[in-house]
Amino acid sequence: MINLCGLWKNTTKDGREYFSGNLGDAKVLIFTNDKKGNDKAPDFRLCLAEKTKKSTTENTSNTTENNFTDESIPF
């Protein structure tokens, strides 16, 4: 087995949990999939996002430790 990255559990403003981590120049995000009654749908979705560079003047009041704002999470 090859360890690619660590993942941290996070919570959105509306209480949903997701996992995030760093993989090279990308952010890894894992979200629970809303299967909507479809048993053949996957249980989770794996997403990659380009890392953004943090500026020293950036307001971090709504930013998680992984540099994602709650508004950037798609639920």
N, C-alpha and C. Protein backbone atom coordinates (compact mmCIF):
# COMPACT_ATOMS: atom_id res chain seq x y z
N MET A 1 0.84 -1.16 0.00
CA MET A 1 0.00 0.00 0.00
C MET A 1 0.90 1.25 0.00
N ILE A 2 0.49 2.28 -0.73
CA ILE A 2 1.23 3.54 -0.81
C ILE A 2 0.43 4.63 -0.13
N ASN A 3 1.04 5.30 0.84
CA ASN A 3 0.38 6.40 1.54
C ASN A 3 0.54 7.68 0.71
N LEU A 4 -0.55 8.25 0.21
CA LEU A 4 -0.50 9.45 -0.62
C LEU A 4 -0.59 10.74 0.18
N CYS A 5 -1.48 10.78 1.16
CA CYS A 5 -1.63 11.99 1.97
C CYS A 5 -2.48 11.69 3.18
N GLY A 6 -2.41 12.58 4.15
CA GLY A 6 -3.29 12.51 5.30
C GLY A 6 -4.56 13.29 5.03
N LEU A 7 -5.63 12.92 5.70
CA LEU A 7 -6.91 13.61 5.56
C LEU A 7 -7.40 14.06 6.93
N TRP A 8 -8.00 15.23 6.96
CA TRP A 8 -8.55 15.78 8.19
C TRP A 8 -10.05 15.90 8.05
N LYS A 9 -10.78 15.57 9.13
CA LYS A 9 -12.23 15.69 9.13
C LYS A 9 -12.58 17.15 9.40
N ASN A 10 -13.46 17.70 8.59
CA ASN A 10 -13.94 19.07 8.72
C ASN A 10 -15.46 19.07 8.72
N THR A 11 -16.04 20.17 9.12
CA THR A 11 -17.49 20.32 9.15
C THR A 11 -17.88 21.62 8.48
N THR A 12 -18.88 21.56 7.60
CA THR A 12 -19.38 22.77 6.94
C THR A 12 -20.24 23.56 7.92
N LYS A 13 -20.62 24.77 7.54
CA LYS A 13 -21.48 25.61 8.38
C LYS A 13 -22.81 24.92 8.69
N ASP A 14 -23.32 24.12 7.73
CA ASP A 14 -24.60 23.46 7.96
C ASP A 14 -24.44 22.08 8.61
N GLY A 15 -23.24 21.76 9.10
CA GLY A 15 -23.04 20.56 9.90
C GLY A 15 -22.64 19.30 9.16
N ARG A 16 -22.43 19.37 7.87
CA ARG A 16 -22.03 18.19 7.11
C ARG A 16 -20.52 17.98 7.21
N GLU A 17 -20.11 16.73 7.34
CA GLU A 17 -18.69 16.42 7.46
C GLU A 17 -18.09 16.11 6.10
N TYR A 18 -16.83 16.48 5.94
CA TYR A 18 -16.05 16.13 4.76
C TYR A 18 -14.60 15.98 5.18
N PHE A 19 -13.78 15.41 4.31
CA PHE A 19 -12.36 15.21 4.60
C PHE A 19 -11.54 16.02 3.60
N SER A 20 -10.41 16.55 4.06
CA SER A 20 -9.54 17.30 3.16
C SER A 20 -8.08 17.05 3.52
N GLY A 21 -7.23 17.22 2.53
CA GLY A 21 -5.80 17.05 2.72
C GLY A 21 -5.04 17.64 1.55
N ASN A 22 -3.72 17.53 1.60
CA ASN A 22 -2.85 18.05 0.54
C ASN A 22 -2.17 16.91 -0.18
N LEU A 23 -2.11 17.01 -1.49
CA LEU A 23 -1.42 16.02 -2.32
C LEU A 23 -0.65 16.79 -3.38
N GLY A 24 0.62 17.06 -3.14
CA GLY A 24 1.42 17.86 -4.06
C GLY A 24 0.86 19.26 -4.18
N ASP A 25 0.56 19.69 -5.40
CA ASP A 25 -0.01 21.01 -5.65
C ASP A 25 -1.53 21.01 -5.68
N ALA A 26 -2.14 19.95 -5.15
CA ALA A 26 -3.60 19.85 -5.17
C ALA A 26 -4.14 19.65 -3.76
N LYS A 27 -5.36 20.10 -3.58
CA LYS A 27 -6.13 19.81 -2.38
C LYS A 27 -7.01 18.61 -2.69
N VAL A 28 -7.10 17.69 -1.76
CA VAL A 28 -7.96 16.52 -1.88
C VAL A 28 -9.18 16.76 -1.00
N LEU A 29 -10.35 16.53 -1.55
CA LEU A 29 -11.60 16.68 -0.80
C LEU A 29 -12.44 15.43 -1.00
N ILE A 30 -12.98 14.90 0.08
CA ILE A 30 -13.86 13.74 -0.01
C ILE A 30 -15.18 14.10 0.64
N PHE A 31 -16.25 13.95 -0.13
CA PHE A 31 -17.59 14.30 0.32
C PHE A 31 -18.48 13.06 0.31
N THR A 32 -19.39 12.97 1.26
CA THR A 32 -20.41 11.93 1.23
C THR A 32 -21.34 12.23 0.07
N ASN A 33 -21.67 11.19 -0.70
CA ASN A 33 -22.53 11.36 -1.86
C ASN A 33 -23.99 11.20 -1.44
N ASP A 34 -24.83 12.11 -1.85
CA ASP A 34 -26.26 11.99 -1.62
C ASP A 34 -26.80 11.02 -2.67
N LYS A 35 -27.01 9.80 -2.26
CA LYS A 35 -27.40 8.74 -3.19
C LYS A 35 -28.83 8.86 -3.69
N LYS A 36 -29.66 9.62 -3.00
CA LYS A 36 -31.05 9.87 -3.39
C LYS A 36 -31.79 8.58 -3.77
N GLY A 37 -31.62 7.54 -2.95
CA GLY A 37 -32.32 6.28 -3.19
C GLY A 37 -31.69 5.37 -4.22
N ASN A 38 -30.60 5.78 -4.85
CA ASN A 38 -29.94 4.96 -5.86
C ASN A 38 -28.84 4.12 -5.20
N ASP A 39 -29.12 2.85 -4.96
CA ASP A 39 -28.16 1.96 -4.30
C ASP A 39 -26.90 1.73 -5.11
N LYS A 40 -26.94 1.99 -6.42
CA LYS A 40 -25.77 1.78 -7.27
C LYS A 40 -24.86 3.01 -7.31
N ALA A 41 -25.30 4.12 -6.74
CA ALA A 41 -24.48 5.34 -6.71
C ALA A 41 -23.35 5.16 -5.71
N PRO A 42 -22.20 5.80 -5.95
CA PRO A 42 -21.09 5.67 -5.00
C PRO A 42 -21.42 6.31 -3.66
N ASP A 43 -20.76 5.84 -2.62
CA ASP A 43 -20.99 6.37 -1.27
C ASP A 43 -20.28 7.69 -1.04
N PHE A 44 -19.14 7.90 -1.73
CA PHE A 44 -18.34 9.11 -1.55
C PHE A 44 -17.92 9.66 -2.90
N ARG A 45 -17.57 10.97 -2.92
CA ARG A 45 -17.02 11.63 -4.11
C ARG A 45 -15.64 12.16 -3.75
N LEU A 46 -14.66 11.90 -4.59
CA LEU A 46 -13.30 12.39 -4.41
C LEU A 46 -13.08 13.54 -5.38
N CYS A 47 -12.69 14.71 -4.86
CA CYS A 47 -12.48 15.89 -5.69
C CYS A 47 -11.07 16.41 -5.48
N LEU A 48 -10.49 16.99 -6.52
CA LEU A 48 -9.20 17.66 -6.43
C LEU A 48 -9.40 19.13 -6.77
N ALA A 49 -8.74 19.98 -6.03
CA ALA A 49 -8.78 21.42 -6.29
C ALA A 49 -7.35 21.95 -6.28
N GLU A 50 -7.09 22.93 -7.12
CA GLU A 50 -5.77 23.54 -7.13
C GLU A 50 -5.56 24.31 -5.84
N LYS A 51 -4.37 24.16 -5.26
CA LYS A 51 -4.06 24.91 -4.04
C LYS A 51 -4.00 26.39 -4.36
N THR A 52 -4.47 27.20 -3.45
CA THR A 52 -4.35 28.64 -3.60
C THR A 52 -3.27 29.13 -2.65
N LYS A 53 -2.52 30.13 -3.08
CA LYS A 53 -1.48 30.68 -2.22
C LYS A 53 -2.11 31.65 -1.26
N LYS A 54 -1.74 31.53 0.01
CA LYS A 54 -2.26 32.39 1.05
C LYS A 54 -1.44 33.66 1.12
N SER A 55 -2.10 34.81 1.03
CA SER A 55 -1.39 36.07 1.18
C SER A 55 -1.32 36.44 2.65
N THR A 56 -0.38 37.26 3.02
CA THR A 56 -0.21 37.64 4.43
C THR A 56 -1.31 38.58 4.88
N THR A 57 -2.02 39.22 3.95
CA THR A 57 -3.09 40.15 4.32
C THR A 57 -4.47 39.52 4.20
N GLU A 58 -4.54 38.24 3.88
CA GLU A 58 -5.82 37.57 3.68
C GLU A 58 -6.60 37.52 4.98
N ASN A 59 -7.88 37.80 4.89
CA ASN A 59 -8.76 37.69 6.05
C ASN A 59 -9.11 36.22 6.22
N THR A 60 -8.73 35.62 7.33
CA THR A 60 -8.94 34.19 7.53
C THR A 60 -10.09 33.88 8.47
N SER A 61 -10.96 34.82 8.73
CA SER A 61 -12.04 34.58 9.69
C SER A 61 -13.00 33.51 9.21
N ASN A 62 -13.23 33.34 7.90
CA ASN A 62 -14.12 32.31 7.39
C ASN A 62 -13.36 31.21 6.66
N THR A 63 -12.09 31.04 6.96
CA THR A 63 -11.27 30.09 6.25
C THR A 63 -10.91 28.93 7.16
N THR A 64 -11.04 27.69 6.67
CA THR A 64 -10.64 26.53 7.45
C THR A 64 -9.14 26.40 7.40
N GLU A 65 -8.60 25.49 8.20
CA GLU A 65 -7.15 25.30 8.23
C GLU A 65 -6.60 24.81 6.90
N ASN A 66 -7.45 24.32 6.00
CA ASN A 66 -7.01 23.83 4.71
C ASN A 66 -7.22 24.84 3.60
N ASN A 67 -7.43 26.11 3.95
CA ASN A 67 -7.55 27.21 2.99
C ASN A 67 -8.78 27.12 2.10
N PHE A 68 -9.87 26.52 2.59
CA PHE A 68 -11.13 26.52 1.88
C PHE A 68 -12.13 27.29 2.69
N THR A 69 -12.82 28.23 2.06
CA THR A 69 -13.87 28.93 2.77
C THR A 69 -15.10 28.07 2.78
N ASP A 70 -15.94 28.26 3.76
CA ASP A 70 -17.18 27.49 3.83
C ASP A 70 -18.04 27.72 2.60
N GLU A 71 -17.93 28.92 2.00
CA GLU A 71 -18.71 29.22 0.79
C GLU A 71 -18.22 28.43 -0.42
N SER A 72 -16.98 27.92 -0.42
CA SER A 72 -16.46 27.19 -1.57
C SER A 72 -16.84 25.72 -1.54
N ILE A 73 -17.43 25.25 -0.45
CA ILE A 73 -17.84 23.87 -0.33
C ILE A 73 -19.21 23.72 -0.98
N PRO A 74 -19.36 22.74 -1.90
CA PRO A 74 -20.55 22.69 -2.74
C PRO A 74 -21.81 22.13 -2.07
N PHE A 75 -22.03 22.37 -0.79
CA PHE A 75 -23.29 22.02 -0.14
C PHE A 75 -23.47 22.78 1.11
